[in-house]
Amino acid sequence: MVDMHIDHKVLRNLREVMEGGYLQLLETFLEDSERRLSQLHKAKDAAELGLAAHSFKGSSSNMGAVELARLCQQLEERARQVPLYGIEDLINRIDQEYQA
């Protein structure tokens, strides 16, 4: 099942493959996500922003966080465009989606 935030099939598959390590994987993702959100907020230039968005997109996608991955993809693409107009809104949407 895919809802607007999470692909539950991805999570089920991860749970089956990881067995007892699933909760550790989930904890690692959450800790890593906090770090990546901080990187998005502290990025000093477009290259840093794009790299942080790309990394966050990958980990979100791997965990089935489809909307979060989509927003990170948008931010990664946006970071390639100069000037960096409107990225604050996109970063705020990523924050909100992560909280959801």
N, C-alpha and C. Protein backbone atom coordinates (compact mmCIF):
# COMPACT_ATOMS: atom_id res chain seq x y z
N MET A 1 0.84 -1.19 0.00
CA MET A 1 0.00 0.00 0.00
C MET A 1 0.89 1.25 0.00
N VAL A 2 0.54 2.20 -0.82
CA VAL A 2 1.25 3.48 -0.85
C VAL A 2 0.27 4.55 -0.40
N ASP A 3 0.60 5.23 0.71
CA ASP A 3 -0.19 6.41 1.05
C ASP A 3 0.62 7.61 0.58
N MET A 4 0.19 8.79 0.93
CA MET A 4 0.89 9.95 0.39
C MET A 4 2.26 10.18 1.03
N HIS A 5 2.54 9.50 2.14
CA HIS A 5 3.81 9.70 2.83
C HIS A 5 4.74 8.50 2.72
N ILE A 6 4.19 7.30 2.90
CA ILE A 6 5.01 6.10 3.05
C ILE A 6 4.53 5.00 2.10
N ASP A 7 5.50 4.32 1.50
CA ASP A 7 5.21 3.11 0.73
C ASP A 7 5.35 1.94 1.70
N HIS A 8 4.21 1.43 2.17
CA HIS A 8 4.21 0.38 3.20
C HIS A 8 4.78 -0.93 2.68
N LYS A 9 4.72 -1.15 1.39
CA LYS A 9 5.32 -2.37 0.82
C LYS A 9 6.84 -2.35 1.02
N VAL A 10 7.46 -1.19 0.82
CA VAL A 10 8.90 -1.05 1.04
C VAL A 10 9.23 -1.38 2.49
N LEU A 11 8.43 -0.84 3.42
CA LEU A 11 8.68 -1.10 4.84
C LEU A 11 8.50 -2.58 5.18
N ARG A 12 7.46 -3.21 4.62
CA ARG A 12 7.25 -4.65 4.85
C ARG A 12 8.44 -5.46 4.34
N ASN A 13 8.91 -5.12 3.14
CA ASN A 13 10.06 -5.83 2.57
C ASN A 13 11.31 -5.63 3.43
N LEU A 14 11.53 -4.41 3.89
CA LEU A 14 12.67 -4.15 4.77
C LEU A 14 12.56 -4.95 6.06
N ARG A 15 11.36 -5.00 6.62
CA ARG A 15 11.14 -5.74 7.87
C ARG A 15 11.45 -7.22 7.66
N GLU A 16 11.04 -7.77 6.52
CA GLU A 16 11.30 -9.17 6.22
C GLU A 16 12.79 -9.43 6.03
N VAL A 17 13.46 -8.57 5.29
CA VAL A 17 14.88 -8.76 5.00
C VAL A 17 15.74 -8.53 6.24
N MET A 18 15.43 -7.48 6.98
CA MET A 18 16.26 -7.09 8.13
C MET A 18 15.94 -7.88 9.39
N GLU A 19 14.76 -8.46 9.46
CA GLU A 19 14.30 -9.21 10.63
C GLU A 19 14.58 -8.43 11.91
N GLY A 20 15.43 -8.96 12.78
CA GLY A 20 15.71 -8.33 14.06
C GLY A 20 16.43 -7.00 13.95
N GLY A 21 17.05 -6.73 12.81
CA GLY A 21 17.78 -5.48 12.64
C GLY A 21 16.93 -4.33 12.14
N TYR A 22 15.63 -4.58 11.93
CA TYR A 22 14.75 -3.56 11.36
C TYR A 22 14.65 -2.32 12.26
N LEU A 23 14.46 -2.53 13.56
CA LEU A 23 14.32 -1.38 14.45
C LEU A 23 15.60 -0.55 14.49
N GLN A 24 16.75 -1.23 14.46
CA GLN A 24 18.03 -0.51 14.42
C GLN A 24 18.13 0.30 13.12
N LEU A 25 17.70 -0.29 12.02
CA LEU A 25 17.71 0.42 10.73
C LEU A 25 16.83 1.66 10.80
N LEU A 26 15.65 1.51 11.38
CA LEU A 26 14.72 2.64 11.52
C LEU A 26 15.33 3.73 12.41
N GLU A 27 15.93 3.34 13.53
CA GLU A 27 16.57 4.32 14.42
C GLU A 27 17.71 5.05 13.70
N THR A 28 18.49 4.29 12.94
CA THR A 28 19.60 4.89 12.19
C THR A 28 19.08 5.89 11.17
N PHE A 29 18.00 5.52 10.47
CA PHE A 29 17.39 6.43 9.49
C PHE A 29 16.94 7.72 10.17
N LEU A 30 16.28 7.60 11.32
CA LEU A 30 15.78 8.79 12.02
C LEU A 30 16.93 9.68 12.49
N GLU A 31 17.98 9.09 13.05
CA GLU A 31 19.14 9.87 13.48
C GLU A 31 19.81 10.54 12.28
N ASP A 32 19.98 9.78 11.22
CA ASP A 32 20.59 10.29 10.00
C ASP A 32 19.75 11.42 9.40
N SER A 33 18.44 11.27 9.46
CA SER A 33 17.53 12.29 8.91
C SER A 33 17.66 13.60 9.66
N GLU A 34 17.79 13.53 10.97
CA GLU A 34 17.98 14.75 11.76
C GLU A 34 19.25 15.47 11.31
N ARG A 35 20.31 14.69 11.09
CA ARG A 35 21.58 15.27 10.62
C ARG A 35 21.42 15.90 9.24
N ARG A 36 20.70 15.21 8.37
CA ARG A 36 20.52 15.71 7.00
C ARG A 36 19.64 16.97 6.98
N LEU A 37 18.64 17.03 7.83
CA LEU A 37 17.83 18.25 7.94
C LEU A 37 18.69 19.42 8.38
N SER A 38 19.56 19.16 9.33
CA SER A 38 20.47 20.20 9.81
C SER A 38 21.38 20.67 8.67
N GLN A 39 21.87 19.72 7.86
CA GLN A 39 22.73 20.07 6.72
C GLN A 39 21.97 20.95 5.73
N LEU A 40 20.70 20.65 5.51
CA LEU A 40 19.90 21.47 4.58
C LEU A 40 19.81 22.90 5.09
N HIS A 41 19.59 23.04 6.39
CA HIS A 41 19.44 24.38 6.97
C HIS A 41 20.76 25.15 7.03
N LYS A 42 21.87 24.43 7.15
CA LYS A 42 23.17 25.09 7.32
C LYS A 42 23.97 25.21 6.02
N ALA A 43 23.44 24.70 4.92
CA ALA A 43 24.18 24.73 3.65
C ALA A 43 24.58 26.16 3.31
N LYS A 44 25.84 26.32 2.94
CA LYS A 44 26.37 27.65 2.64
C LYS A 44 26.26 28.02 1.17
N ASP A 45 26.06 27.01 0.33
CA ASP A 45 25.96 27.29 -1.10
C ASP A 45 25.12 26.22 -1.78
N ALA A 46 24.89 26.42 -3.06
CA ALA A 46 24.03 25.52 -3.83
C ALA A 46 24.60 24.11 -3.89
N ALA A 47 25.91 23.98 -3.98
CA ALA A 47 26.53 22.65 -4.06
C ALA A 47 26.28 21.86 -2.78
N GLU A 48 26.48 22.49 -1.62
CA GLU A 48 26.22 21.83 -0.34
C GLU A 48 24.75 21.45 -0.22
N LEU A 49 23.90 22.36 -0.62
CA LEU A 49 22.46 22.12 -0.55
C LEU A 49 22.06 20.94 -1.44
N GLY A 50 22.58 20.94 -2.66
CA GLY A 50 22.25 19.86 -3.59
C GLY A 50 22.74 18.51 -3.11
N LEU A 51 23.94 18.48 -2.53
CA LEU A 51 24.49 17.23 -2.02
C LEU A 51 23.67 16.71 -0.84
N ALA A 52 23.31 17.61 0.07
CA ALA A 52 22.50 17.21 1.22
C ALA A 52 21.13 16.71 0.77
N ALA A 53 20.52 17.40 -0.18
CA ALA A 53 19.21 16.99 -0.69
C ALA A 53 19.31 15.63 -1.39
N HIS A 54 20.38 15.43 -2.15
CA HIS A 54 20.57 14.16 -2.86
C HIS A 54 20.71 13.00 -1.86
N SER A 55 21.51 13.18 -0.83
CA SER A 55 21.71 12.13 0.17
C SER A 55 20.41 11.82 0.91
N PHE A 56 19.69 12.87 1.29
CA PHE A 56 18.43 12.70 2.02
C PHE A 56 17.39 12.02 1.12
N LYS A 57 17.39 12.37 -0.15
CA LYS A 57 16.48 11.73 -1.12
C LYS A 57 16.73 10.23 -1.16
N GLY A 58 17.99 9.84 -1.24
CA GLY A 58 18.33 8.42 -1.33
C GLY A 58 17.91 7.64 -0.11
N SER A 59 18.23 8.15 1.07
CA SER A 59 17.88 7.42 2.29
C SER A 59 16.36 7.39 2.48
N SER A 60 15.68 8.48 2.14
CA SER A 60 14.21 8.51 2.25
C SER A 60 13.57 7.51 1.31
N SER A 61 14.07 7.45 0.10
CA SER A 61 13.55 6.51 -0.89
C SER A 61 13.76 5.07 -0.43
N ASN A 62 14.95 4.78 0.10
CA ASN A 62 15.25 3.43 0.59
C ASN A 62 14.33 3.00 1.72
N MET A 63 13.85 3.97 2.51
CA MET A 63 12.96 3.66 3.63
C MET A 63 11.48 3.78 3.26
N GLY A 64 11.19 4.05 2.01
CA GLY A 64 9.80 4.12 1.57
C GLY A 64 9.12 5.44 1.86
N ALA A 65 9.89 6.46 2.25
CA ALA A 65 9.33 7.79 2.54
C ALA A 65 9.20 8.53 1.20
N VAL A 66 8.16 8.18 0.44
CA VAL A 66 8.05 8.61 -0.95
C VAL A 66 7.87 10.12 -1.11
N GLU A 67 7.08 10.74 -0.27
CA GLU A 67 6.86 12.18 -0.39
C GLU A 67 8.10 12.95 0.03
N LEU A 68 8.77 12.48 1.05
CA LEU A 68 10.01 13.12 1.50
C LEU A 68 11.06 13.02 0.39
N ALA A 69 11.17 11.87 -0.23
CA ALA A 69 12.12 11.69 -1.33
C ALA A 69 11.77 12.61 -2.50
N ARG A 70 10.48 12.75 -2.78
CA ARG A 70 10.04 13.62 -3.88
C ARG A 70 10.41 15.08 -3.61
N LEU A 71 10.19 15.54 -2.40
CA LEU A 71 10.53 16.92 -2.04
C LEU A 71 12.05 17.14 -2.08
N CYS A 72 12.81 16.15 -1.64
CA CYS A 72 14.27 16.26 -1.71
C CYS A 72 14.74 16.30 -3.16
N GLN A 73 14.08 15.54 -4.02
CA GLN A 73 14.39 15.57 -5.45
C GLN A 73 14.15 16.97 -6.00
N GLN A 74 13.03 17.57 -5.63
CA GLN A 74 12.73 18.94 -6.08
C GLN A 74 13.80 19.91 -5.60
N LEU A 75 14.21 19.76 -4.35
CA LEU A 75 15.23 20.66 -3.80
C LEU A 75 16.57 20.45 -4.50
N GLU A 76 16.91 19.20 -4.76
CA GLU A 76 18.16 18.90 -5.47
C GLU A 76 18.16 19.57 -6.85
N GLU A 77 17.05 19.45 -7.57
CA GLU A 77 16.94 20.09 -8.88
C GLU A 77 16.99 21.61 -8.76
N ARG A 78 16.31 22.15 -7.76
CA ARG A 78 16.24 23.59 -7.55
C ARG A 78 17.62 24.17 -7.22
N ALA A 79 18.44 23.38 -6.51
CA ALA A 79 19.78 23.84 -6.11
C ALA A 79 20.69 24.03 -7.31
N ARG A 80 20.34 23.44 -8.44
CA ARG A 80 21.15 23.59 -9.66
C ARG A 80 20.82 24.89 -10.41
N GLN A 81 19.77 25.58 -9.97
CA GLN A 81 19.33 26.79 -10.66
C GLN A 81 19.75 28.02 -9.86
N VAL A 82 20.26 29.00 -10.58
CA VAL A 82 20.67 30.24 -9.94
C VAL A 82 19.72 31.34 -10.39
N PRO A 83 19.27 32.22 -9.52
CA PRO A 83 19.55 32.26 -8.09
C PRO A 83 18.71 31.22 -7.33
N LEU A 84 19.07 30.99 -6.08
CA LEU A 84 18.37 30.01 -5.25
C LEU A 84 17.09 30.61 -4.67
N TYR A 85 16.21 31.01 -5.54
CA TYR A 85 14.96 31.64 -5.13
C TYR A 85 13.97 30.58 -4.68
N GLY A 86 13.32 30.82 -3.53
CA GLY A 86 12.23 29.97 -3.10
C GLY A 86 12.63 28.68 -2.41
N ILE A 87 13.90 28.51 -2.09
CA ILE A 87 14.30 27.25 -1.48
C ILE A 87 13.87 27.15 -0.02
N GLU A 88 13.70 28.29 0.65
CA GLU A 88 13.29 28.27 2.06
C GLU A 88 11.96 27.56 2.21
N ASP A 89 11.04 27.85 1.31
CA ASP A 89 9.73 27.20 1.35
C ASP A 89 9.86 25.69 1.16
N LEU A 90 10.70 25.29 0.24
CA LEU A 90 10.90 23.87 -0.03
C LEU A 90 11.54 23.17 1.17
N ILE A 91 12.51 23.81 1.79
CA ILE A 91 13.14 23.23 2.99
C ILE A 91 12.10 23.13 4.12
N ASN A 92 11.25 24.13 4.27
CA ASN A 92 10.19 24.07 5.28
C ASN A 92 9.22 22.93 5.00
N ARG A 93 8.91 22.70 3.73
CA ARG A 93 8.02 21.59 3.36
C ARG A 93 8.68 20.25 3.67
N ILE A 94 10.00 20.17 3.47
CA ILE A 94 10.74 18.94 3.81
C ILE A 94 10.69 18.72 5.33
N ASP A 95 10.88 19.78 6.11
CA ASP A 95 10.77 19.68 7.57
C ASP A 95 9.39 19.15 7.97
N GLN A 96 8.35 19.74 7.40
CA GLN A 96 6.98 19.34 7.73
C GLN A 96 6.71 17.90 7.33
N GLU A 97 7.18 17.50 6.17
CA GLU A 97 6.97 16.12 5.72
C GLU A 97 7.72 15.14 6.61
N TYR A 98 8.92 15.49 7.00
CA TYR A 98 9.68 14.60 7.89
C TYR A 98 8.92 14.43 9.21
N GLN A 99 8.38 15.52 9.74
CA GLN A 99 7.62 15.43 10.99
C GLN A 99 6.38 14.55 10.83
N ALA A 100 5.76 14.62 9.65
CA ALA A 100 4.56 13.80 9.39
C ALA A 100 4.93 12.33 9.35
